[in-house]
Protein backbone atom coordinates (compact mmCIF):
# COMPACT_ATOMS: atom_id res chain seq x y z
CA MET A 1 124.12 127.07 84.01
CA ARG A 2 123.89 126.24 80.34
CA THR A 3 123.20 122.57 80.99
CA ILE A 4 120.87 123.18 83.83
CA ALA A 5 118.31 125.29 82.26
CA PRO A 6 117.52 123.05 79.19
CA ALA A 7 117.12 120.02 81.89
CA LEU A 8 114.83 121.94 83.91
CA MET A 9 112.75 123.08 81.10
CA LEU A 10 112.50 119.32 79.67
CA ALA A 11 111.52 118.25 83.26
CA GLY A 12 108.77 120.75 83.41
CA THR A 13 107.53 120.00 80.01
CA VAL A 14 107.45 116.34 80.89
CA LEU A 15 105.42 117.08 84.14
CA VAL A 16 102.96 119.26 82.43
CA ALA A 17 102.47 116.90 79.58
CA GLY A 18 102.01 113.78 81.72
CA CYS A 19 98.93 115.25 83.42
CA ASP A 20 96.20 114.83 80.99
CA ARG A 21 93.90 112.82 83.04
CA PRO A 22 93.91 111.34 86.56
CA MET A 23 95.89 108.23 87.24
CA SER A 24 94.01 104.94 87.51
CA SER A 25 94.48 102.52 90.50
CA GLY A 26 96.78 100.38 88.38
CA GLU A 27 98.86 103.34 87.31
CA LYS A 28 99.17 104.54 90.89
CA GLY A 29 100.07 101.08 92.10
CA ALA A 30 102.73 100.74 89.53
CA ALA A 31 104.37 104.00 90.22
CA VAL A 32 104.40 103.52 94.06
CA GLY A 33 105.62 100.01 93.42
CA ALA A 34 108.46 100.99 91.28
CA ALA A 35 109.61 103.84 93.39
CA ALA A 36 109.58 101.72 96.57
CA GLY A 37 111.21 98.79 94.75
CA THR A 38 114.00 101.13 93.34
CA GLY A 39 114.45 102.58 96.78
CA ILE A 40 114.70 99.25 98.64
CA GLY A 41 117.04 97.90 96.11
CA LEU A 42 119.41 100.93 96.20
CA VAL A 43 119.44 100.88 100.04
CA THR A 44 120.17 97.12 100.27
CA GLY A 45 122.43 96.73 97.16
CA GLY A 46 125.95 97.06 98.63
CA SER A 47 128.73 98.24 96.37
CA PHE A 48 128.04 100.65 93.41
CA GLY A 49 127.80 97.94 90.64
CA GLN A 50 125.39 95.83 92.85
CA VAL A 51 123.37 98.95 93.72
CA VAL A 52 122.67 99.90 90.31
CA GLY A 53 121.57 96.22 89.29
CA ALA A 54 119.48 95.86 92.56
CA GLY A 55 117.77 99.31 92.01
CA LEU A 56 116.80 98.30 88.50
CA ILE A 57 115.59 94.93 89.42
CA GLY A 58 113.76 96.14 92.48
CA GLY A 59 112.07 98.83 90.39
CA ALA A 60 111.05 96.31 87.83
CA VAL A 61 109.75 94.03 90.38
CA GLY A 62 107.82 96.67 92.27
CA TYR A 63 106.33 97.97 89.06
CA LEU A 64 104.99 94.67 88.21
CA GLY A 65 103.87 93.99 91.80
CA GLY A 66 102.23 97.33 92.13
CA SER A 67 100.37 97.26 89.03
CA ALA A 68 99.10 93.88 89.90
CA VAL A 69 97.90 94.83 93.26
CA GLY A 70 96.45 98.15 91.73
CA LYS A 71 94.18 96.50 89.20
């Protein structure tokens, strides 16, 4: 419980602090692309070492693609 409470407080602070204005279409595209790319990379990655690498690469490619499409 000692480690969960600070983590939850930090997560709540980040969520509240990140909502100063509505997201632009480029930011929305980047967020959706990064989430989708990470998910696809994790599902198709294979063994654990490959899953982590595939998730990171998929997230980066999805971020770049999503932000390009969103602009």
